[in-house]
Every structure is written in C-alpha cells, then in structure tokens.
Amino acid sequence: MVYYPGCGMMGWSGGWGFGWAFMFLYGLILVGVLVLIIFWILKMWKEVQRKKK
C-alpha cells in the first residue's frame, strides 16, 4: 500500500488510474494555494513599502 498525506490510501487495490488522477488534482490544488499565498504576500509587501515612504 502507498500512503500520501491528505489523499488517504492508494496503491494496487485502488487502481493506478484513479490514484494518479487524484494526485494530479491534489498537486493542482497545492500549487493554486501556494500561488495565492505568494500573491497575497507581494500585495502586503507593496502596501508596507508605500506606508514607509
């Protein structure tokens, strides 16, 4: 059995097609969240820079 954090149980029993589709979606969600966090940090940073001037 193969375990991935947040994905539950995957491996030979579940069938690899479903497993890979789930991993792909999980990866997309993670990337999306990271991008949102980065954009939010940049926005906050710009506001801080403006206030300093």
C-alpha atoms as a PDB file:
ATOM      1  CA  MET A   1       0.000   0.000   0.000  1.00  0.00           C
ATOM      2  CA  VAL A   2       1.110   3.545  -0.731  1.00  0.00           C
ATOM      3  CA  TYR A   3       0.070   6.390   1.550  1.00  0.00           C
ATOM      4  CA  TYR A   4       0.052  10.063   0.592  1.00  0.00           C
ATOM      5  CA  PRO A   5      -0.708  12.844   3.071  1.00  0.00           C
ATOM      6  CA  GLY A   6      -4.266  14.095   2.676  1.00  0.00           C
ATOM      7  CA  CYS A   7      -5.099  11.588  -0.068  1.00  0.00           C
ATOM      8  CA  GLY A   8      -5.927   8.564   2.041  1.00  0.00           C
ATOM      9  CA  MET A   9      -4.989   5.063   0.845  1.00  0.00           C
ATOM     10  CA  MET A  10      -3.795   4.436  -2.684  1.00  0.00           C
ATOM     11  CA  GLY A  11      -1.980   1.699  -4.485  1.00  0.00           C
ATOM     12  CA  TRP A  12      -2.609  -1.589  -6.179  1.00  0.00           C
ATOM     13  CA  SER A  13      -6.112  -2.031  -4.725  1.00  0.00           C
ATOM     14  CA  GLY A  14      -7.464   1.358  -5.854  1.00  0.00           C
ATOM     15  CA  GLY A  15      -6.155   1.141  -9.398  1.00  0.00           C
ATOM     16  CA  TRP A  16      -3.403   3.452 -10.596  1.00  0.00           C
ATOM     17  CA  GLY A  17      -5.615   5.486 -12.990  1.00  0.00           C
ATOM     18  CA  PHE A  18      -7.753   6.853 -10.173  1.00  0.00           C
ATOM     19  CA  GLY A  19      -4.711   7.257  -7.939  1.00  0.00           C
ATOM     20  CA  TRP A  20      -2.792   9.348 -10.471  1.00  0.00           C
ATOM     21  CA  ALA A  21      -5.857  11.483 -11.270  1.00  0.00           C
ATOM     22  CA  PHE A  22      -6.283  12.165  -7.545  1.00  0.00           C
ATOM     23  CA  MET A  23      -2.579  13.033  -7.142  1.00  0.00           C
ATOM     24  CA  PHE A  24      -2.774  15.396 -10.138  1.00  0.00           C
ATOM     25  CA  LEU A  25      -5.792  17.206  -8.659  1.00  0.00           C
ATOM     26  CA  TYR A  26      -4.105  17.317  -5.229  1.00  0.00           C
ATOM     27  CA  GLY A  27      -0.982  18.836  -6.831  1.00  0.00           C
ATOM     28  CA  LEU A  28      -3.026  21.442  -8.723  1.00  0.00           C
ATOM     29  CA  ILE A  29      -4.807  22.473  -5.516  1.00  0.00           C
ATOM     30  CA  LEU A  30      -1.488  22.750  -3.644  1.00  0.00           C
ATOM     31  CA  VAL A  31       0.058  24.857  -6.431  1.00  0.00           C
ATOM     32  CA  GLY A  32      -3.028  27.091  -6.555  1.00  0.00           C
ATOM     33  CA  VAL A  33      -2.915  27.692  -2.795  1.00  0.00           C
ATOM     34  CA  LEU A  34       0.834  28.456  -2.938  1.00  0.00           C
ATOM     35  CA  VAL A  35       0.310  30.954  -5.791  1.00  0.00           C
ATOM     36  CA  LEU A  36      -2.497  32.685  -3.859  1.00  0.00           C
ATOM     37  CA  ILE A  37      -0.288  32.935  -0.746  1.00  0.00           C
ATOM     38  CA  ILE A  38       2.610  34.367  -2.792  1.00  0.00           C
ATOM     39  CA  PHE A  39       0.337  36.963  -4.444  1.00  0.00           C
ATOM     40  CA  TRP A  40      -1.096  37.937  -1.028  1.00  0.00           C
ATOM     41  CA  ILE A  41       2.430  38.349   0.446  1.00  0.00           C
ATOM     42  CA  LEU A  42       3.512  40.503  -2.516  1.00  0.00           C
ATOM     43  CA  LYS A  43       0.390  42.664  -2.142  1.00  0.00           C
ATOM     44  CA  MET A  44       1.022  43.114   1.591  1.00  0.00           C
ATOM     45  CA  TRP A  45       4.707  43.876   0.927  1.00  0.00           C
ATOM     46  CA  LYS A  46       3.796  46.606  -1.602  1.00  0.00           C
ATOM     47  CA  GLU A  47       1.417  48.202   0.926  1.00  0.00           C
ATOM     48  CA  VAL A  48       4.138  48.152   3.603  1.00  0.00           C
ATOM     49  CA  GLN A  49       6.621  49.759   1.192  1.00  0.00           C
ATOM     50  CA  ARG A  50       4.083  52.505   0.372  1.00  0.00           C
ATOM     51  CA  LYS A  51       3.487  53.248   4.068  1.00  0.00           C
ATOM     52  CA  LYS A  52       7.253  53.544   4.709  1.00  0.00           C
ATOM     53  CA  LYS A  53       7.545  56.252   2.024  1.00  0.00           C
END
